[in-house]
C-alpha atoms as a PDB file:
ATOM      1  CA  MET A   1      28.503   0.442  11.561  1.00  0.00           C
ATOM      2  CA  LEU A   2      24.798  -0.048  10.965  1.00  0.00           C
ATOM      3  CA  SER A   3      23.404  -3.257   9.563  1.00  0.00           C
ATOM      4  CA  LEU A   4      21.097  -3.095   6.575  1.00  0.00           C
ATOM      5  CA  GLU A   5      18.102  -4.050   8.714  1.00  0.00           C
ATOM      6  CA  SER A   6      18.570  -1.033  10.971  1.00  0.00           C
ATOM      7  CA  ASP A   7      19.213   1.468   8.162  1.00  0.00           C
ATOM      8  CA  PRO A   8      16.020   3.542   7.863  1.00  0.00           C
ATOM      9  CA  GLN A   9      16.553   4.251   4.156  1.00  0.00           C
ATOM     10  CA  VAL A  10      16.758   0.528   3.382  1.00  0.00           C
ATOM     11  CA  GLN A  11      13.580  -0.067   5.383  1.00  0.00           C
ATOM     12  CA  VAL A  12      11.740   2.733   3.566  1.00  0.00           C
ATOM     13  CA  ASP A  13      12.934   1.475   0.180  1.00  0.00           C
ATOM     14  CA  ALA A  14      11.763  -2.055   0.955  1.00  0.00           C
ATOM     15  CA  LEU A  15       8.382  -0.922   2.296  1.00  0.00           C
ATOM     16  CA  SER A  16       7.659   1.457  -0.560  1.00  0.00           C
ATOM     17  CA  HIS A  17       8.766  -1.150  -3.107  1.00  0.00           C
ATOM     18  CA  ARG A  18       6.431  -3.773  -1.568  1.00  0.00           C
ATOM     19  CA  ALA A  19       3.615  -1.222  -1.468  1.00  0.00           C
ATOM     20  CA  LEU A  20       4.072  -0.330  -5.113  1.00  0.00           C
ATOM     21  CA  LEU A  21       4.189  -3.961  -6.221  1.00  0.00           C
ATOM     22  CA  SER A  22       1.090  -4.794  -4.175  1.00  0.00           C
ATOM     23  CA  GLY A  23      -0.785  -1.870  -5.658  1.00  0.00           C
ATOM     24  CA  VAL A  24       0.155  -2.712  -9.244  1.00  0.00           C
ATOM     25  CA  TYR A  25      -0.249  -6.474  -9.230  1.00  0.00           C
ATOM     26  CA  TRP A  26      -3.411  -6.558  -7.141  1.00  0.00           C
ATOM     27  CA  LEU A  27      -5.044  -3.336  -8.220  1.00  0.00           C
ATOM     28  CA  ALA A  28      -8.543  -4.673  -7.578  1.00  0.00           C
ATOM     29  CA  GLY A  29      -7.884  -7.178  -4.831  1.00  0.00           C
ATOM     30  CA  VAL A  30      -6.458  -7.869  -1.441  1.00  0.00           C
ATOM     31  CA  GLY A  31      -3.107  -6.426  -2.513  1.00  0.00           C
ATOM     32  CA  SER A  32      -4.729  -3.004  -2.429  1.00  0.00           C
ATOM     33  CA  VAL A  33      -5.011  -3.272   1.330  1.00  0.00           C
ATOM     34  CA  TRP A  34      -1.364  -4.386   1.572  1.00  0.00           C
ATOM     35  CA  ALA A  35      -0.318  -1.473  -0.637  1.00  0.00           C
ATOM     36  CA  ILE A  36      -1.994   0.995   1.717  1.00  0.00           C
ATOM     37  CA  LEU A  37      -0.522  -0.643   4.827  1.00  0.00           C
ATOM     38  CA  TYR A  38       3.035  -0.820   3.451  1.00  0.00           C
ATOM     39  CA  ALA A  39       2.840   2.743   2.143  1.00  0.00           C
ATOM     40  CA  ASN A  40       1.623   4.058   5.487  1.00  0.00           C
ATOM     41  CA  ARG A  41       4.447   2.246   7.304  1.00  0.00           C
ATOM     42  CA  ALA A  42       6.992   3.701   4.892  1.00  0.00           C
ATOM     43  CA  LEU A  43       5.598   7.218   5.368  1.00  0.00           C
ATOM     44  CA  GLN A  44       5.596   6.810   9.155  1.00  0.00           C
ATOM     45  CA  THR A  45       9.240   5.730   9.022  1.00  0.00           C
ATOM     46  CA  ILE A  46      10.110   8.719   6.846  1.00  0.00           C
ATOM     47  CA  HIS A  47       8.362  11.207   9.117  1.00  0.00           C
ATOM     48  CA  ALA A  48       9.812   9.689  12.296  1.00  0.00           C
ATOM     49  CA  SER A  49      13.380   9.690  11.022  1.00  0.00           C
ATOM     50  CA  PRO A  50      15.699  12.445  12.267  1.00  0.00           C
ATOM     51  CA  VAL A  51      17.581  12.347   8.936  1.00  0.00           C
ATOM     52  CA  PRO A  52      15.988  13.090   5.545  1.00  0.00           C
ATOM     53  CA  LEU A  53      14.886   9.915   3.754  1.00  0.00           C
ATOM     54  CA  GLU A  54      13.813   9.379   0.157  1.00  0.00           C
ATOM     55  CA  GLY A  55      10.799   7.405  -1.007  1.00  0.00           C
ATOM     56  CA  ALA A  56       7.848   9.483   0.168  1.00  0.00           C
ATOM     57  CA  SER A  57       6.569  10.104  -3.363  1.00  0.00           C
ATOM     58  CA  ARG A  58       6.783   6.393  -4.206  1.00  0.00           C
ATOM     59  CA  ALA A  59       4.946   5.500  -0.981  1.00  0.00           C
ATOM     60  CA  ARG A  60       2.241   8.111  -1.659  1.00  0.00           C
ATOM     61  CA  PHE A  61       1.791   6.786  -5.206  1.00  0.00           C
ATOM     62  CA  ALA A  62       1.500   3.223  -3.893  1.00  0.00           C
ATOM     63  CA  ARG A  63      -1.083   4.392  -1.357  1.00  0.00           C
ATOM     64  CA  LEU A  64      -3.013   6.058  -4.197  1.00  0.00           C
ATOM     65  CA  LEU A  65      -2.937   2.828  -6.224  1.00  0.00           C
ATOM     66  CA  GLY A  66      -4.181   0.881  -3.226  1.00  0.00           C
ATOM     67  CA  THR A  67      -6.966   3.375  -2.609  1.00  0.00           C
ATOM     68  CA  LEU A  68      -8.027   3.251  -6.263  1.00  0.00           C
ATOM     69  CA  GLY A  69      -7.957  -0.533  -6.171  1.00  0.00           C
ATOM     70  CA  LEU A  70     -10.240  -0.579  -3.135  1.00  0.00           C
ATOM     71  CA  ALA A  71     -12.511   2.044  -4.665  1.00  0.00           C
ATOM     72  CA  LEU A  72     -12.980  -0.228  -7.686  1.00  0.00           C
ATOM     73  CA  TRP A  73     -13.081  -3.509  -5.784  1.00  0.00           C
ATOM     74  CA  LEU A  74     -15.529  -2.744  -2.960  1.00  0.00           C
ATOM     75  CA  PRO A  75     -18.490  -1.699  -5.161  1.00  0.00           C
ATOM     76  CA  VAL A  76     -18.060  -4.816  -7.323  1.00  0.00           C
ATOM     77  CA  VAL A  77     -18.092  -7.056  -4.252  1.00  0.00           C
ATOM     78  CA  GLY A  78     -21.098  -5.153  -2.887  1.00  0.00           C
ATOM     79  CA  ILE A  79     -23.017  -5.599  -6.129  1.00  0.00           C
ATOM     80  CA  CYS A  80     -22.196  -9.311  -6.191  1.00  0.00           C
ATOM     81  CA  ILE A  81     -23.456  -9.725  -2.629  1.00  0.00           C
ATOM     82  CA  VAL A  82     -26.667  -7.828  -3.369  1.00  0.00           C
ATOM     83  CA  MET A  83     -27.275  -9.886  -6.507  1.00  0.00           C
ATOM     84  CA  ALA A  84     -26.646 -13.131  -4.622  1.00  0.00           C
ATOM     85  CA  PHE A  85     -29.246 -12.237  -1.992  1.00  0.00           C
ATOM     86  CA  ALA A  86     -31.698 -10.912  -4.570  1.00  0.00           C
ATOM     87  CA  ARG A  87     -31.875 -14.316  -6.244  1.00  0.00           C
ATOM     88  CA  ARG A  88     -33.134 -16.000  -3.067  1.00  0.00           C
END
């Protein structure tokens, strides 16, 4: 009998859930990076599994949220840095 930690579906569910929460709660912050990392790990687990696993669409959506969060966050940080140096 497999333990829950070794069950690939449980791992994928946990990773995609963490990715989705990171992407939603930190849409324009550091959580965006975590969302992308967790989503990629979940997708790698899904693709490497010999049995069909669910959760790919949730992981892809979380990766999209993380990407959007970074796309919004990085220009704002860049503008703040430029403005800080322009004042000197």
